[in-house]
């Protein structure tokens, strides 16, 4: 289990060498996947619809994507900046293994 930022950086560095992959891409994908996992465990899980490059990567197991952000639709929820910031703020405080 990763418990420190140093452990995560070391793991990503080692994985990037092993797979000949860009460490920045691996780190970015890890962070986005962790955020999406937090959304999937939240009360908003049925309101976020993942689409685009990240969905394709998740379905077919691609290591890298052309786009740098998850593309999602939010249904049944206000999408003002304040509302989205509140949803994100709640999710980043969720502690999950």
PDB file of N, CA and C in Angstrom:
ATOM      1  N   UNK A   1       0.849  -1.184   0.000  1.00  0.00           N
ATOM      2  CA  UNK A   1       0.000   0.000   0.000  1.00  0.00           C
ATOM      3  C   UNK A   1       0.893   1.245   0.000  1.00  0.00           C
ATOM      4  N   UNK A   2       0.521   2.208  -0.788  1.00  0.00           N
ATOM      5  CA  UNK A   2       1.253   3.470  -0.872  1.00  0.00           C
ATOM      6  C   UNK A   2       0.733   4.398   0.212  1.00  0.00           C
ATOM      7  N   UNK A   3       1.641   4.878   1.063  1.00  0.00           N
ATOM      8  CA  UNK A   3       1.216   5.760   2.157  1.00  0.00           C
ATOM      9  C   UNK A   3       1.868   7.130   2.108  1.00  0.00           C
ATOM     10  N   UNK A   4       2.867   7.301   1.243  1.00  0.00           N
ATOM     11  CA  UNK A   4       3.531   8.604   1.160  1.00  0.00           C
ATOM     12  C   UNK A   4       3.699   9.019  -0.300  1.00  0.00           C
ATOM     13  N   UNK A   5       3.879  10.314  -0.489  1.00  0.00           N
ATOM     14  CA  UNK A   5       4.117  10.841  -1.841  1.00  0.00           C
ATOM     15  C   UNK A   5       5.410  10.267  -2.410  1.00  0.00           C
ATOM     16  N   UNK A   6       6.412  10.080  -1.571  1.00  0.00           N
ATOM     17  CA  UNK A   6       7.699   9.533  -2.019  1.00  0.00           C
ATOM     18  C   UNK A   6       7.513   8.117  -2.558  1.00  0.00           C
ATOM     19  N   UNK A   7       6.721   7.297  -1.876  1.00  0.00           N
ATOM     20  CA  UNK A   7       6.468   5.936  -2.347  1.00  0.00           C
ATOM     21  C   UNK A   7       5.787   5.951  -3.713  1.00  0.00           C
ATOM     22  N   UNK A   8       4.837   6.851  -3.882  1.00  0.00           N
ATOM     23  CA  UNK A   8       4.142   6.957  -5.164  1.00  0.00           C
ATOM     24  C   UNK A   8       5.106   7.380  -6.268  1.00  0.00           C
ATOM     25  N   UNK A   9       5.923   8.389  -5.997  1.00  0.00           N
ATOM     26  CA  UNK A   9       6.892   8.851  -7.000  1.00  0.00           C
ATOM     27  C   UNK A   9       7.868   7.742  -7.372  1.00  0.00           C
ATOM     28  N   UNK A  10       8.343   7.003  -6.374  1.00  0.00           N
ATOM     29  CA  UNK A  10       9.273   5.901  -6.647  1.00  0.00           C
ATOM     30  C   UNK A  10       8.609   4.811  -7.478  1.00  0.00           C
ATOM     31  N   UNK A  11       7.377   4.471  -7.131  1.00  0.00           N
ATOM     32  CA  UNK A  11       6.641   3.455  -7.880  1.00  0.00           C
ATOM     33  C   UNK A  11       6.458   3.882  -9.334  1.00  0.00           C
ATOM     34  N   UNK A  12       6.070   5.125  -9.543  1.00  0.00           N
ATOM     35  CA  UNK A  12       5.863   5.631 -10.907  1.00  0.00           C
ATOM     36  C   UNK A  12       7.181   5.667 -11.674  1.00  0.00           C
ATOM     37  N   UNK A  13       8.247   6.107 -11.029  1.00  0.00           N
ATOM     38  CA  UNK A  13       9.553   6.152 -11.693  1.00  0.00           C
ATOM     39  C   UNK A  13       9.981   4.743 -12.117  1.00  0.00           C
ATOM     40  N   UNK A  14       9.838   3.774 -11.210  1.00  0.00           N
ATOM     41  CA  UNK A  14      10.216   2.394 -11.531  1.00  0.00           C
ATOM     42  C   UNK A  14       9.338   1.819 -12.636  1.00  0.00           C
ATOM     43  N   UNK A  15       8.042   2.100 -12.585  1.00  0.00           N
ATOM     44  CA  UNK A  15       7.128   1.605 -13.609  1.00  0.00           C
ATOM     45  C   UNK A  15       7.439   2.239 -14.962  1.00  0.00           C
ATOM     46  N   UNK A  16       7.785   3.525 -14.963  1.00  0.00           N
ATOM     47  CA  UNK A  16       8.084   4.192 -16.236  1.00  0.00           C
ATOM     48  C   UNK A  16       9.330   3.592 -16.884  1.00  0.00           C
ATOM     49  N   UNK A  17      10.313   3.222 -16.068  1.00  0.00           N
ATOM     50  CA  UNK A  17      11.521   2.581 -16.612  1.00  0.00           C
ATOM     51  C   UNK A  17      11.194   1.187 -17.137  1.00  0.00           C
ATOM     52  N   UNK A  18      10.410   0.443 -16.371  1.00  0.00           N
ATOM     53  CA  UNK A  18      10.064  -0.934 -16.737  1.00  0.00           C
ATOM     54  C   UNK A  18       9.245  -0.986 -18.019  1.00  0.00           C
ATOM     55  N   UNK A  19       8.324  -0.044 -18.191  1.00  0.00           N
ATOM     56  CA  UNK A  19       7.428  -0.047 -19.350  1.00  0.00           C
ATOM     57  C   UNK A  19       7.859   0.925 -20.445  1.00  0.00           C
ATOM     58  N   UNK A  20       8.992   1.584 -20.252  1.00  0.00           N
ATOM     59  CA  UNK A  20       9.455   2.606 -21.198  1.00  0.00           C
ATOM     60  C   UNK A  20       8.355   3.626 -21.462  1.00  0.00           C
ATOM     61  N   UNK A  21       7.752   4.104 -20.392  1.00  0.00           N
ATOM     62  CA  UNK A  21       6.649   5.062 -20.488  1.00  0.00           C
ATOM     63  C   UNK A  21       7.061   6.371 -19.829  1.00  0.00           C
ATOM     64  N   UNK A  22       6.396   7.432 -20.205  1.00  0.00           N
ATOM     65  CA  UNK A  22       6.644   8.749 -19.632  1.00  0.00           C
ATOM     66  C   UNK A  22       6.090   8.797 -18.207  1.00  0.00           C
ATOM     67  N   UNK A  23       6.937   9.118 -17.233  1.00  0.00           N
ATOM     68  CA  UNK A  23       6.522   9.160 -15.826  1.00  0.00           C
ATOM     69  C   UNK A  23       5.416  10.185 -15.601  1.00  0.00           C
ATOM     70  N   UNK A  24       5.460  11.305 -16.300  1.00  0.00           N
ATOM     71  CA  UNK A  24       4.423  12.334 -16.138  1.00  0.00           C
ATOM     72  C   UNK A  24       3.060  11.818 -16.584  1.00  0.00           C
ATOM     73  N   UNK A  25       3.034  11.073 -17.680  1.00  0.00           N
ATOM     74  CA  UNK A  25       1.773  10.509 -18.165  1.00  0.00           C
ATOM     75  C   UNK A  25       1.242   9.492 -17.168  1.00  0.00           C
ATOM     76  N   UNK A  26       2.114   8.648 -16.639  1.00  0.00           N
ATOM     77  CA  UNK A  26       1.685   7.663 -15.641  1.00  0.00           C
ATOM     78  C   UNK A  26       1.137   8.346 -14.396  1.00  0.00           C
ATOM     79  N   UNK A  27       1.816   9.391 -13.943  1.00  0.00           N
ATOM     80  CA  UNK A  27       1.361  10.097 -12.743  1.00  0.00           C
ATOM     81  C   UNK A  27       0.018  10.776 -12.991  1.00  0.00           C
ATOM     82  N   UNK A  28      -0.115  11.429 -14.133  1.00  0.00           N
ATOM     83  CA  UNK A  28      -1.372  12.102 -14.477  1.00  0.00           C
ATOM     84  C   UNK A  28      -2.524  11.103 -14.545  1.00  0.00           C
ATOM     85  N   UNK A  29      -2.296   9.981 -15.214  1.00  0.00           N
ATOM     86  CA  UNK A  29      -3.348   8.967 -15.322  1.00  0.00           C
ATOM     87  C   UNK A  29      -3.708   8.392 -13.960  1.00  0.00           C
ATOM     88  N   UNK A  30      -2.711   8.175 -13.122  1.00  0.00           N
ATOM     89  CA  UNK A  30      -2.968   7.660 -11.770  1.00  0.00           C
ATOM     90  C   UNK A  30      -3.857   8.631 -10.995  1.00  0.00           C
ATOM     91  N   UNK A  31      -3.517   9.911 -11.044  1.00  0.00           N
ATOM     92  CA  UNK A  31      -4.295  10.911 -10.304  1.00  0.00           C
ATOM     93  C   UNK A  31      -5.733  10.996 -10.826  1.00  0.00           C
ATOM     94  N   UNK A  32      -5.894  10.975 -12.139  1.00  0.00           N
ATOM     95  CA  UNK A  32      -7.248  11.041 -12.699  1.00  0.00           C
ATOM     96  C   UNK A  32      -8.051   9.792 -12.351  1.00  0.00           C
ATOM     97  N   UNK A  33      -7.408   8.636 -12.412  1.00  0.00           N
ATOM     98  CA  UNK A  33      -8.111   7.400 -12.069  1.00  0.00           C
ATOM     99  C   UNK A  33      -8.508   7.372 -10.598  1.00  0.00           C
ATOM    100  N   UNK A  34      -7.650   7.861  -9.725  1.00  0.00           N
ATOM    101  CA  UNK A  34      -7.981   7.916  -8.292  1.00  0.00           C
ATOM    102  C   UNK A  34      -9.152   8.869  -8.048  1.00  0.00           C
ATOM    103  N   UNK A  35      -9.150  10.001  -8.752  1.00  0.00           N
ATOM    104  CA  UNK A  35     -10.264  10.938  -8.604  1.00  0.00           C
ATOM    105  C   UNK A  35     -11.568  10.290  -9.071  1.00  0.00           C
ATOM    106  N   UNK A  36     -11.521   9.627 -10.215  1.00  0.00           N
ATOM    107  CA  UNK A  36     -12.721   8.962 -10.727  1.00  0.00           C
ATOM    108  C   UNK A  36     -13.176   7.844  -9.794  1.00  0.00           C
ATOM    109  N   UNK A  37     -12.230   7.163  -9.172  1.00  0.00           N
ATOM    110  CA  UNK A  37     -12.602   6.137  -8.194  1.00  0.00           C
ATOM    111  C   UNK A  37     -13.353   6.766  -7.023  1.00  0.00           C
ATOM    112  N   UNK A  38     -12.891   7.927  -6.577  1.00  0.00           N
ATOM    113  CA  UNK A  38     -13.568   8.619  -5.483  1.00  0.00           C
ATOM    114  C   UNK A  38     -14.982   9.032  -5.885  1.00  0.00           C
ATOM    115  N   UNK A  39     -15.136   9.507  -7.105  1.00  0.00           N
ATOM    116  CA  UNK A  39     -16.479   9.842  -7.600  1.00  0.00           C
ATOM    117  C   UNK A  39     -17.349   8.584  -7.609  1.00  0.00           C
ATOM    118  N   UNK A  40     -16.775   7.454  -8.037  1.00  0.00           N
ATOM    119  CA  UNK A  40     -17.559   6.213  -8.127  1.00  0.00           C
ATOM    120  C   UNK A  40     -18.025   5.714  -6.764  1.00  0.00           C
ATOM    121  N   UNK A  41     -17.381   6.163  -5.701  1.00  0.00           N
ATOM    122  CA  UNK A  41     -17.760   5.762  -4.343  1.00  0.00           C
ATOM    123  C   UNK A  41     -18.659   6.788  -3.668  1.00  0.00           C
ATOM    124  N   UNK A  42     -19.005   7.830  -4.391  1.00  0.00           N
ATOM    125  CA  UNK A  42     -19.763   8.929  -3.799  1.00  0.00           C
ATOM    126  C   UNK A  42     -21.243   8.847  -4.144  1.00  0.00           C
ATOM    127  N   UNK A  43     -21.992   9.746  -3.536  1.00  0.00           N
ATOM    128  CA  UNK A  43     -23.424   9.832  -3.841  1.00  0.00           C
ATOM    129  C   UNK A  43     -23.669  10.359  -5.254  1.00  0.00           C
ATOM    130  N   UNK A  44     -22.625  10.839  -5.927  1.00  0.00           N
ATOM    131  CA  UNK A  44     -22.743  11.377  -7.290  1.00  0.00           C
ATOM    132  C   UNK A  44     -22.426  10.329  -8.360  1.00  0.00           C
ATOM    133  N   UNK A  45     -22.167   9.091  -7.961  1.00  0.00           N
ATOM    134  CA  UNK A  45     -21.683   8.081  -8.900  1.00  0.00           C
ATOM    135  C   UNK A  45     -22.612   7.838 -10.086  1.00  0.00           C
ATOM    136  N   UNK A  46     -23.901   7.985  -9.903  1.00  0.00           N
ATOM    137  CA  UNK A  46     -24.835   7.759 -11.007  1.00  0.00           C
ATOM    138  C   UNK A  46     -25.110   9.019 -11.815  1.00  0.00           C
ATOM    139  N   UNK A  47     -24.475  10.117 -11.447  1.00  0.00           N
ATOM    140  CA  UNK A  47     -24.676  11.373 -12.164  1.00  0.00           C
ATOM    141  C   UNK A  47     -23.510  11.707 -13.091  1.00  0.00           C
ATOM    142  N   UNK A  48     -22.347  11.098 -12.876  1.00  0.00           N
ATOM    143  CA  UNK A  48     -21.193  11.343 -13.731  1.00  0.00           C
ATOM    144  C   UNK A  48     -21.145  10.282 -14.819  1.00  0.00           C
ATOM    145  N   UNK A  49     -21.093  10.716 -16.060  1.00  0.00           N
ATOM    146  CA  UNK A  49     -21.004   9.804 -17.195  1.00  0.00           C
ATOM    147  C   UNK A  49     -19.658  10.062 -17.862  1.00  0.00           C
ATOM    148  N   UNK A  50     -18.745   9.117 -17.722  1.00  0.00           N
ATOM    149  CA  UNK A  50     -17.410   9.234 -18.298  1.00  0.00           C
ATOM    150  C   UNK A  50     -17.484   8.945 -19.789  1.00  0.00           C
ATOM    151  N   UNK A  51     -16.778   9.742 -20.582  1.00  0.00           N
ATOM    152  CA  UNK A  51     -16.776   9.544 -22.026  1.00  0.00           C
ATOM    153  C   UNK A  51     -15.431   9.994 -22.569  1.00  0.00           C
ATOM    154  N   UNK A  52     -15.237   9.865 -23.847  1.00  0.00           N
ATOM    155  CA  UNK A  52     -14.020  10.340 -24.483  1.00  0.00           C
ATOM    156  C   UNK A  52     -12.825   9.416 -24.276  1.00  0.00           C
ATOM    157  N   UNK A  53     -11.629  10.010 -24.368  1.00  0.00           N
ATOM    158  CA  UNK A  53     -10.377   9.251 -24.330  1.00  0.00           C
ATOM    159  C   UNK A  53     -10.171   8.441 -23.074  1.00  0.00           C
ATOM    160  N   UNK A  54     -10.547   8.979 -21.936  1.00  0.00           N
ATOM    161  CA  UNK A  54     -10.337   8.249 -20.689  1.00  0.00           C
ATOM    162  C   UNK A  54     -11.238   7.017 -20.613  1.00  0.00           C
ATOM    163  N   UNK A  55     -12.452   7.119 -21.130  1.00  0.00           N
ATOM    164  CA  UNK A  55     -13.345   5.958 -21.173  1.00  0.00           C
ATOM    165  C   UNK A  55     -12.751   4.879 -22.073  1.00  0.00           C
ATOM    166  N   UNK A  56     -12.284   5.269 -23.248  1.00  0.00           N
ATOM    167  CA  UNK A  56     -11.686   4.313 -24.178  1.00  0.00           C
ATOM    168  C   UNK A  56     -10.462   3.662 -23.536  1.00  0.00           C
ATOM    169  N   UNK A  57      -9.612   4.461 -22.892  1.00  0.00           N
ATOM    170  CA  UNK A  57      -8.420   3.924 -22.235  1.00  0.00           C
ATOM    171  C   UNK A  57      -8.800   2.935 -21.144  1.00  0.00           C
ATOM    172  N   UNK A  58      -9.838   3.245 -20.379  1.00  0.00           N
ATOM    173  CA  UNK A  58     -10.285   2.347 -19.310  1.00  0.00           C
ATOM    174  C   UNK A  58     -10.838   1.041 -19.884  1.00  0.00           C
ATOM    175  N   UNK A  59     -11.501   1.129 -21.024  1.00  0.00           N
ATOM    176  CA  UNK A  59     -12.137  -0.060 -21.604  1.00  0.00           C
ATOM    177  C   UNK A  59     -11.135  -0.979 -22.298  1.00  0.00           C
ATOM    178  N   UNK A  60     -10.135  -0.404 -22.966  1.00  0.00           N
ATOM    179  CA  UNK A  60      -9.212  -1.237 -23.739  1.00  0.00           C
ATOM    180  C   UNK A  60      -7.818  -1.310 -23.142  1.00  0.00           C
ATOM    181  N   UNK A  61      -7.605  -0.649 -22.018  1.00  0.00           N
ATOM    182  CA  UNK A  61      -6.343  -0.771 -21.304  1.00  0.00           C
ATOM    183  C   UNK A  61      -5.176  -0.028 -21.917  1.00  0.00           C
ATOM    184  N   UNK A  62      -5.419   1.107 -22.513  1.00  0.00           N
ATOM    185  CA  UNK A  62      -4.329   1.893 -23.071  1.00  0.00           C
ATOM    186  C   UNK A  62      -3.511   2.524 -21.958  1.00  0.00           C
ATOM    187  N   UNK A  63      -2.194   2.599 -22.145  1.00  0.00           N
ATOM    188  CA  UNK A  63      -1.324   3.206 -21.142  1.00  0.00           C
ATOM    189  C   UNK A  63      -1.300   4.722 -21.225  1.00  0.00           C
ATOM    190  N   UNK A  64      -1.529   5.283 -22.392  1.00  0.00           N
ATOM    191  CA  UNK A  64      -1.478   6.738 -22.560  1.00  0.00           C
ATOM    192  C   UNK A  64      -2.660   7.181 -23.411  1.00  0.00           C
ATOM    193  N   UNK A  65      -3.023   8.444 -23.245  1.00  0.00           N
ATOM    194  CA  UNK A  65      -4.155   8.991 -23.991  1.00  0.00           C
ATOM    195  C   UNK A  65      -3.715  10.251 -24.712  1.00  0.00           C
ATOM    196  N   UNK A  66      -4.459  10.616 -25.746  1.00  0.00           N
ATOM    197  CA  UNK A  66      -4.152  11.839 -26.471  1.00  0.00           C
ATOM    198  C   UNK A  66      -4.586  13.068 -25.684  1.00  0.00           C
ATOM    199  N   UNK A  67      -5.694  12.964 -24.967  1.00  0.00           N
ATOM    200  CA  UNK A  67      -6.182  14.114 -24.215  1.00  0.00           C
ATOM    201  C   UNK A  67      -5.709  14.032 -22.774  1.00  0.00           C
ATOM    202  N   UNK A  68      -5.652  15.179 -22.084  1.00  0.00           N
ATOM    203  CA  UNK A  68      -5.090  15.217 -20.744  1.00  0.00           C
ATOM    204  C   UNK A  68      -6.137  15.345 -19.645  1.00  0.00           C
ATOM    205  N   UNK A  69      -7.404  15.272 -20.000  1.00  0.00           N
ATOM    206  CA  UNK A  69      -8.424  15.461 -18.973  1.00  0.00           C
ATOM    207  C   UNK A  69      -9.556  14.464 -19.175  1.00  0.00           C
ATOM    208  N   UNK A  70     -10.193  14.079 -18.066  1.00  0.00           N
ATOM    209  CA  UNK A  70     -11.358  13.209 -18.215  1.00  0.00           C
ATOM    210  C   UNK A  70     -12.518  14.020 -18.782  1.00  0.00           C
ATOM    211  N   UNK A  71     -13.253  13.439 -19.687  1.00  0.00           N
ATOM    212  CA  UNK A  71     -14.414  14.091 -20.284  1.00  0.00           C
ATOM    213  C   UNK A  71     -15.639  13.423 -19.686  1.00  0.00           C
ATOM    214  N   UNK A  72     -16.500  14.214 -19.055  1.00  0.00           N
ATOM    215  CA  UNK A  72     -17.669  13.641 -18.384  1.00  0.00           C
ATOM    216  C   UNK A  72     -18.872  14.549 -18.566  1.00  0.00           C
ATOM    217  N   UNK A  73     -20.021  13.926 -18.503  1.00  0.00           N
ATOM    218  CA  UNK A  73     -21.286  14.644 -18.457  1.00  0.00           C
ATOM    219  C   UNK A  73     -21.839  14.452 -17.055  1.00  0.00           C
ATOM    220  N   UNK A  74     -22.426  15.497 -16.506  1.00  0.00           N
ATOM    221  CA  UNK A  74     -23.046  15.405 -15.186  1.00  0.00           C
ATOM    222  C   UNK A  74     -24.543  15.559 -15.394  1.00  0.00           C
ATOM    223  N   UNK A  75     -25.309  14.553 -14.985  1.00  0.00           N
ATOM    224  CA  UNK A  75     -26.760  14.623 -15.188  1.00  0.00           C
ATOM    225  C   UNK A  75     -27.468  14.833 -13.854  1.00  0.00           C
ATOM    226  N   UNK A  76     -28.539  15.582 -13.886  1.00  0.00           N
ATOM    227  CA  UNK A  76     -29.379  15.771 -12.714  1.00  0.00           C
ATOM    228  C   UNK A  76     -28.776  16.614 -11.611  1.00  0.00           C
ATOM    229  N   UNK A  77     -27.728  17.367 -11.922  1.00  0.00           N
ATOM    230  CA  UNK A  77     -27.051  18.194 -10.925  1.00  0.00           C
ATOM    231  C   UNK A  77     -26.737  19.545 -11.546  1.00  0.00           C
ATOM    232  N   UNK A  78     -26.826  20.594 -10.753  1.00  0.00           N
ATOM    233  CA  UNK A  78     -26.396  21.904 -11.237  1.00  0.00           C
ATOM    234  C   UNK A  78     -24.924  21.831 -11.605  1.00  0.00           C
ATOM    235  N   UNK A  79     -24.559  22.548 -12.638  1.00  0.00           N
ATOM    236  CA  UNK A  79     -23.167  22.520 -13.058  1.00  0.00           C
ATOM    237  C   UNK A  79     -22.529  23.904 -13.002  1.00  0.00           C
ATOM    238  N   UNK A  80     -22.955  24.680 -12.030  1.00  0.00           N
ATOM    239  CA  UNK A  80     -22.288  25.963 -11.834  1.00  0.00           C
ATOM    240  C   UNK A  80     -20.886  25.689 -11.299  1.00  0.00           C
ATOM    241  N   UNK A  81     -20.004  26.630 -11.458  1.00  0.00           N
ATOM    242  CA  UNK A  81     -18.635  26.487 -10.968  1.00  0.00           C
ATOM    243  C   UNK A  81     -18.639  26.162  -9.476  1.00  0.00           C
ATOM    244  N   UNK A  82     -19.477  26.848  -8.720  1.00  0.00           N
ATOM    245  CA  UNK A  82     -19.526  26.632  -7.272  1.00  0.00           C
ATOM    246  C   UNK A  82     -19.968  25.211  -6.931  1.00  0.00           C
ATOM    247  N   UNK A  83     -20.969  24.701  -7.640  1.00  0.00           N
ATOM    248  CA  UNK A  83     -21.458  23.350  -7.369  1.00  0.00           C
ATOM    249  C   UNK A  83     -20.401  22.296  -7.699  1.00  0.00           C
ATOM    250  N   UNK A  84     -19.741  22.450  -8.828  1.00  0.00           N
ATOM    251  CA  UNK A  84     -18.706  21.490  -9.213  1.00  0.00           C
ATOM    252  C   UNK A  84     -17.529  21.566  -8.244  1.00  0.00           C
ATOM    253  N   UNK A  85     -17.143  22.771  -7.837  1.00  0.00           N
ATOM    254  CA  UNK A  85     -16.068  22.907  -6.847  1.00  0.00           C
ATOM    255  C   UNK A  85     -16.439  22.215  -5.546  1.00  0.00           C
ATOM    256  N   UNK A  86     -17.697  22.320  -5.137  1.00  0.00           N
ATOM    257  CA  UNK A  86     -18.152  21.671  -3.907  1.00  0.00           C
ATOM    258  C   UNK A  86     -18.077  20.148  -4.041  1.00  0.00           C
ATOM    259  N   UNK A  87     -18.503  19.613  -5.167  1.00  0.00           N
ATOM    260  CA  UNK A  87     -18.444  18.164  -5.395  1.00  0.00           C
ATOM    261  C   UNK A  87     -16.996  17.690  -5.352  1.00  0.00           C
ATOM    262  N   UNK A  88     -16.115  18.401  -6.031  1.00  0.00           N
ATOM    263  CA  UNK A  88     -14.702  18.021  -6.060  1.00  0.00           C
ATOM    264  C   UNK A  88     -14.087  18.132  -4.674  1.00  0.00           C
ATOM    265  N   UNK A  89     -14.399  19.183  -3.969  1.00  0.00           N
ATOM    266  CA  UNK A  89     -13.864  19.369  -2.621  1.00  0.00           C
ATOM    267  C   UNK A  89     -14.286  18.227  -1.701  1.00  0.00           C
ATOM    268  N   UNK A  90     -15.523  17.806  -1.793  1.00  0.00           N
ATOM    269  CA  UNK A  90     -15.998  16.682  -0.977  1.00  0.00           C
ATOM    270  C   UNK A  90     -15.252  15.401  -1.326  1.00  0.00           C
ATOM    271  N   UNK A  91     -14.975  15.180  -2.588  1.00  0.00           N
ATOM    272  CA  UNK A  91     -14.317  13.946  -3.028  1.00  0.00           C
ATOM    273  C   UNK A  91     -12.854  13.917  -2.640  1.00  0.00           C
ATOM    274  N   UNK A  92     -12.176  15.049  -2.674  1.00  0.00           N
ATOM    275  CA  UNK A  92     -10.745  15.014  -2.355  1.00  0.00           C
ATOM    276  C   UNK A  92     -10.510  14.747  -0.879  1.00  0.00           C
ATOM    277  N   UNK A  93     -11.529  14.953  -0.059  1.00  0.00           N
ATOM    278  CA  UNK A  93     -11.394  14.683   1.369  1.00  0.00           C
ATOM    279  C   UNK A  93     -11.731  13.243   1.720  1.00  0.00           C
ATOM    280  N   UNK A  94     -12.233  12.474   0.758  1.00  0.00           N
ATOM    281  CA  UNK A  94     -12.567  11.076   0.986  1.00  0.00           C
ATOM    282  C   UNK A  94     -11.283  10.264   1.046  1.00  0.00           C
ATOM    283  N   UNK A  95     -11.104   9.506   2.092  1.00  0.00           N
ATOM    284  CA  UNK A  95      -9.924   8.650   2.222  1.00  0.00           C
ATOM    285  C   UNK A  95     -10.313   7.242   1.812  1.00  0.00           C
ATOM    286  N   UNK A  96      -9.571   6.709   0.859  1.00  0.00           N
ATOM    287  CA  UNK A  96      -9.880   5.383   0.329  1.00  0.00           C
ATOM    288  C   UNK A  96      -8.578   4.665   0.034  1.00  0.00           C
ATOM    289  N   UNK A  97      -8.543   3.381   0.254  1.00  0.00           N
ATOM    290  CA  UNK A  97      -7.353   2.558  -0.014  1.00  0.00           C
ATOM    291  C   UNK A  97      -7.110   2.478  -1.501  1.00  0.00           C
TER     292      UNK A  97
END
